[in-house]
Structures are given as C-alpha cells and as structure tokens.
Amino acid sequence: MKCFICTADNINIGIPARLAERIVSVMRVQSVVCETEDGQAFVSLPVLLKLKDCAVHHGLILKSGVSSPHSQTSALMKTLLLTARIGIELDIPEENIYPLTSALEGMNRYFSGVCFVSGEMILILDPQKLTDGIII
C-alpha cells in the first residue's frame, strides 16, 4: 500500500495514497479540528492530535468515497485533510501493517494500524474513521 508519510512532533503518520485525490500546498492557520468554508471541510490533523508546534504545510483532498463530516447536508462537500509536511511516499506491504495494541487503544479512533520501517514506527491513518468521528 502506498502511503504519504508526514512527521509531526516526532510522530510518523502514514496516509494511504489511494484515499487522496491530490496533494496541495497550504498555508492555513487553524485552531479547531474542523472548519467548513465554500463547500469544503478542513480537518487539521495537528490540531486533532494536539501537536501544538506542528505547522501545516500540505493538504490532501480526500476522494469522494471518504465521507466528509457534512455528507448528510451536502453531497458536494470535499474534505481537505491538513497535515504536516509530507516528506516521502512509501510502499508498505499490507503484511507489514499490524493492528494497534491495547497500549495504543485510544489511537484506534483515527488509525488502522502500525508498521515499522528502518526502526521507525509509522501510524497508519484511517481517514474514514477520522471523518466519521468529527462532529461540528
């Protein structure tokens, strides 16, 4: 599975590439988890994970199959996932992604698994879980 890897406050986050339409550069200041504006929902991963010193550099426009927080009110709403700078794209074999242990149970709300690459832990984001759990 191809993943975009971003590092925020020493936390490596893998975002499955198959769920993103495209990556855009952003310079948006956002102090809340989710905002809406002009048919778009902006979801800030750094704010959600309480990463105070993490600047937002990239946004991933999620594919239509990934529901936005307002999918009931507007079928045209797009979700833009705001992230730290995306450093690399990795191809991670599915068999190298493990379920989260009970020690990381609270993270299950947003992540689907974990993998280890070159001694680094990467949490794999599940954008569907992320957008389903957001209520404004």
C-alpha atoms as a PDB file:
ATOM      1  CA  MET A   1       0.000   0.000   0.000  1.00  0.00           C
ATOM      2  CA  LYS A   2       1.408   3.383  -0.966  1.00  0.00           C
ATOM      3  CA  CYS A   3       1.403   5.886   1.896  1.00  0.00           C
ATOM      4  CA  PHE A   4       2.323   9.526   2.180  1.00  0.00           C
ATOM      5  CA  ILE A   5       4.499   9.897   5.275  1.00  0.00           C
ATOM      6  CA  CYS A   6       4.470  13.078   7.338  1.00  0.00           C
ATOM      7  CA  THR A   7       6.242  13.639  10.627  1.00  0.00           C
ATOM      8  CA  ALA A   8       4.615  15.826  13.252  1.00  0.00           C
ATOM      9  CA  ASP A   9       6.358  16.337  16.595  1.00  0.00           C
ATOM     10  CA  ASN A  10       8.336  13.097  16.127  1.00  0.00           C
ATOM     11  CA  ILE A  11       5.197  11.113  15.298  1.00  0.00           C
ATOM     12  CA  ASN A  12       5.309   9.445  11.874  1.00  0.00           C
ATOM     13  CA  ILE A  13       1.906   9.264  10.226  1.00  0.00           C
ATOM     14  CA  GLY A  14       1.181   7.273   7.085  1.00  0.00           C
ATOM     15  CA  ILE A  15      -1.768   8.410   4.987  1.00  0.00           C
ATOM     16  CA  PRO A  16      -2.907   5.858   2.368  1.00  0.00           C
ATOM     17  CA  ALA A  17      -2.372   7.388  -1.077  1.00  0.00           C
ATOM     18  CA  ARG A  18      -5.389   5.543  -2.521  1.00  0.00           C
ATOM     19  CA  LEU A  19      -7.702   7.758  -0.461  1.00  0.00           C
ATOM     20  CA  ALA A  20      -6.348  11.067  -1.742  1.00  0.00           C
ATOM     21  CA  GLU A  21      -7.275  12.782  -4.986  1.00  0.00           C
ATOM     22  CA  ARG A  22      -4.267  15.076  -4.808  1.00  0.00           C
ATOM     23  CA  ILE A  23      -1.862  16.912  -2.522  1.00  0.00           C
ATOM     24  CA  VAL A  24      -1.974  20.683  -2.306  1.00  0.00           C
ATOM     25  CA  SER A  25       0.309  23.152  -0.603  1.00  0.00           C
ATOM     26  CA  VAL A  26      -1.440  25.167   2.120  1.00  0.00           C
ATOM     27  CA  MET A  27      -0.613  27.974   4.494  1.00  0.00           C
ATOM     28  CA  ARG A  28      -3.759  27.896   6.596  1.00  0.00           C
ATOM     29  CA  VAL A  29      -3.874  28.663  10.280  1.00  0.00           C
ATOM     30  CA  GLN A  30      -6.498  26.564  12.015  1.00  0.00           C
ATOM     31  CA  SER A  31      -7.052  26.337  15.741  1.00  0.00           C
ATOM     32  CA  VAL A  32     -10.019  23.939  15.667  1.00  0.00           C
ATOM     33  CA  VAL A  33     -10.204  20.358  14.432  1.00  0.00           C
ATOM     34  CA  CYS A  34     -12.672  21.019  11.623  1.00  0.00           C
ATOM     35  CA  GLU A  35     -13.905  24.109   9.781  1.00  0.00           C
ATOM     36  CA  THR A  36     -16.121  24.442   6.739  1.00  0.00           C
ATOM     37  CA  GLU A  37     -15.924  27.033   4.030  1.00  0.00           C
ATOM     38  CA  ASP A  38     -17.195  27.251   0.442  1.00  0.00           C
ATOM     39  CA  GLY A  39     -18.125  23.575   0.029  1.00  0.00           C
ATOM     40  CA  GLN A  40     -15.017  22.259   1.764  1.00  0.00           C
ATOM     41  CA  ALA A  41     -14.343  20.793   5.176  1.00  0.00           C
ATOM     42  CA  PHE A  42     -10.849  21.455   6.517  1.00  0.00           C
ATOM     43  CA  VAL A  43      -9.724  18.827   9.031  1.00  0.00           C
ATOM     44  CA  SER A  44      -6.480  19.641  10.844  1.00  0.00           C
ATOM     45  CA  LEU A  45      -4.559  16.544  11.845  1.00  0.00           C
ATOM     46  CA  PRO A  46      -2.081  18.512  14.035  1.00  0.00           C
ATOM     47  CA  VAL A  47      -4.909  20.173  15.988  1.00  0.00           C
ATOM     48  CA  LEU A  48      -6.766  16.872  16.350  1.00  0.00           C
ATOM     49  CA  LEU A  49      -3.663  15.170  17.764  1.00  0.00           C
ATOM     50  CA  LYS A  50      -2.825  18.217  19.937  1.00  0.00           C
ATOM     51  CA  LEU A  51       0.521  18.812  18.253  1.00  0.00           C
ATOM     52  CA  LYS A  52       0.944  22.471  19.188  1.00  0.00           C
ATOM     53  CA  ASP A  53       4.266  23.142  17.489  1.00  0.00           C
ATOM     54  CA  CYS A  54       3.361  21.475  14.198  1.00  0.00           C
ATOM     55  CA  ALA A  55       2.969  23.733  11.178  1.00  0.00           C
ATOM     56  CA  VAL A  56       0.559  22.740   8.411  1.00  0.00           C
ATOM     57  CA  HIS A  57       2.244  22.609   5.017  1.00  0.00           C
ATOM     58  CA  HIS A  58       0.185  20.171   2.964  1.00  0.00           C
ATOM     59  CA  GLY A  59      -3.409  19.279   2.428  1.00  0.00           C
ATOM     60  CA  LEU A  60      -4.774  16.093   0.949  1.00  0.00           C
ATOM     61  CA  ILE A  61      -8.061  16.360  -0.857  1.00  0.00           C
ATOM     62  CA  LEU A  62      -9.798  13.129   0.049  1.00  0.00           C
ATOM     63  CA  LYS A  63     -11.583  11.145  -2.641  1.00  0.00           C
ATOM     64  CA  SER A  64     -15.360  11.264  -2.762  1.00  0.00           C
ATOM     65  CA  GLY A  65     -15.617   7.773  -1.256  1.00  0.00           C
ATOM     66  CA  VAL A  66     -14.279   9.158   2.027  1.00  0.00           C
ATOM     67  CA  SER A  67     -17.222  10.968   3.570  1.00  0.00           C
ATOM     68  CA  SER A  68     -16.924  14.479   4.864  1.00  0.00           C
ATOM     69  CA  PRO A  69     -18.280  15.485   8.268  1.00  0.00           C
ATOM     70  CA  HIS A  70     -21.225  17.079   6.460  1.00  0.00           C
ATOM     71  CA  SER A  71     -22.020  14.335   3.956  1.00  0.00           C
ATOM     72  CA  GLN A  72     -25.650  14.328   5.110  1.00  0.00           C
ATOM     73  CA  THR A  73     -26.082  18.030   4.347  1.00  0.00           C
ATOM     74  CA  SER A  74     -24.049  18.419   1.194  1.00  0.00           C
ATOM     75  CA  ALA A  75     -23.110  15.715  -1.276  1.00  0.00           C
ATOM     76  CA  LEU A  76     -20.664  18.164  -2.876  1.00  0.00           C
ATOM     77  CA  MET A  77     -18.653  18.810   0.290  1.00  0.00           C
ATOM     78  CA  LYS A  78     -14.954  17.967  -0.163  1.00  0.00           C
ATOM     79  CA  THR A  79     -12.690  17.162   2.745  1.00  0.00           C
ATOM     80  CA  LEU A  80      -9.218  18.646   2.863  1.00  0.00           C
ATOM     81  CA  LEU A  81      -7.004  16.889   5.410  1.00  0.00           C
ATOM     82  CA  LEU A  82      -4.418  19.380   6.675  1.00  0.00           C
ATOM     83  CA  THR A  83      -1.114  17.750   7.618  1.00  0.00           C
ATOM     84  CA  ALA A  84       2.468  18.464   8.469  1.00  0.00           C
ATOM     85  CA  ARG A  85       4.895  18.494   5.548  1.00  0.00           C
ATOM     86  CA  ILE A  86       4.726  15.239   3.605  1.00  0.00           C
ATOM     87  CA  GLY A  87       8.308  14.046   3.415  1.00  0.00           C
ATOM     88  CA  ILE A  88       8.177  10.852   1.392  1.00  0.00           C
ATOM     89  CA  GLU A  89       5.913   8.296  -0.212  1.00  0.00           C
ATOM     90  CA  LEU A  90       6.490   4.697   0.856  1.00  0.00           C
ATOM     91  CA  ASP A  91       5.165   1.443  -0.477  1.00  0.00           C
ATOM     92  CA  ILE A  92       4.333  -0.574   2.646  1.00  0.00           C
ATOM     93  CA  PRO A  93       3.327  -4.216   2.144  1.00  0.00           C
ATOM     94  CA  GLU A  94      -0.034  -4.982   3.793  1.00  0.00           C
ATOM     95  CA  GLU A  95       1.532  -7.850   5.736  1.00  0.00           C
ATOM     96  CA  ASN A  96       3.890  -5.352   7.441  1.00  0.00           C
ATOM     97  CA  ILE A  97       0.981  -3.360   8.909  1.00  0.00           C
ATOM     98  CA  TYR A  98      -0.048  -4.631  12.327  1.00  0.00           C
ATOM     99  CA  PRO A  99      -3.168  -3.918  14.391  1.00  0.00           C
ATOM    100  CA  LEU A 100      -2.728  -1.415  17.191  1.00  0.00           C
ATOM    101  CA  THR A 101      -2.099  -2.979  20.574  1.00  0.00           C
ATOM    102  CA  SER A 102      -4.142  -2.229  23.648  1.00  0.00           C
ATOM    103  CA  ALA A 103      -1.362   0.166  24.727  1.00  0.00           C
ATOM    104  CA  LEU A 104      -2.391   2.417  21.830  1.00  0.00           C
ATOM    105  CA  GLU A 105      -6.111   1.705  22.162  1.00  0.00           C
ATOM    106  CA  GLY A 106      -7.104   5.385  22.241  1.00  0.00           C
ATOM    107  CA  MET A 107      -5.450   5.844  18.866  1.00  0.00           C
ATOM    108  CA  ASN A 108      -7.806   3.274  17.278  1.00  0.00           C
ATOM    109  CA  ARG A 109     -10.297   6.095  16.724  1.00  0.00           C
ATOM    110  CA  TYR A 110      -8.163   7.515  13.914  1.00  0.00           C
ATOM    111  CA  PHE A 111      -5.596   4.886  12.934  1.00  0.00           C
ATOM    112  CA  SER A 112      -5.964   1.479  11.333  1.00  0.00           C
ATOM    113  CA  GLY A 113      -2.576   0.038  12.204  1.00  0.00           C
ATOM    114  CA  VAL A 114       1.136   0.467  12.747  1.00  0.00           C
ATOM    115  CA  CYS A 115       4.251  -0.547  10.841  1.00  0.00           C
ATOM    116  CA  PHE A 116       7.977  -0.309  11.436  1.00  0.00           C
ATOM    117  CA  VAL A 117      10.333   0.933   8.733  1.00  0.00           C
ATOM    118  CA  SER A 118      14.061   1.292   9.394  1.00  0.00           C
ATOM    119  CA  GLY A 119      13.442   1.240  13.141  1.00  0.00           C
ATOM    120  CA  GLU A 120      10.806   3.980  12.953  1.00  0.00           C
ATOM    121  CA  MET A 121       7.178   3.451  13.965  1.00  0.00           C
ATOM    122  CA  ILE A 122       4.579   4.727  11.491  1.00  0.00           C
ATOM    123  CA  LEU A 123       0.916   5.027  12.494  1.00  0.00           C
ATOM    124  CA  ILE A 124      -1.363   4.383   9.517  1.00  0.00           C
ATOM    125  CA  LEU A 125      -4.229   6.884   9.385  1.00  0.00           C
ATOM    126  CA  ASP A 126      -7.739   5.758   8.517  1.00  0.00           C
ATOM    127  CA  PRO A 127      -9.364   8.883   7.012  1.00  0.00           C
ATOM    128  CA  GLN A 128     -12.811   7.236   7.074  1.00  0.00           C
ATOM    129  CA  LYS A 129     -12.610   6.752  10.861  1.00  0.00           C
ATOM    130  CA  LEU A 130     -11.292  10.291  11.137  1.00  0.00           C
ATOM    131  CA  THR A 131     -14.116  11.966   9.232  1.00  0.00           C
ATOM    132  CA  ASP A 132     -16.829   9.734  10.735  1.00  0.00           C
ATOM    133  CA  GLY A 133     -15.768  10.788  14.238  1.00  0.00           C
ATOM    134  CA  ILE A 134     -15.870  14.547  13.653  1.00  0.00           C
ATOM    135  CA  ILE A 135     -18.958  16.487  14.621  1.00  0.00           C
ATOM    136  CA  ILE A 136     -19.120  20.267  14.420  1.00  0.00           C
END
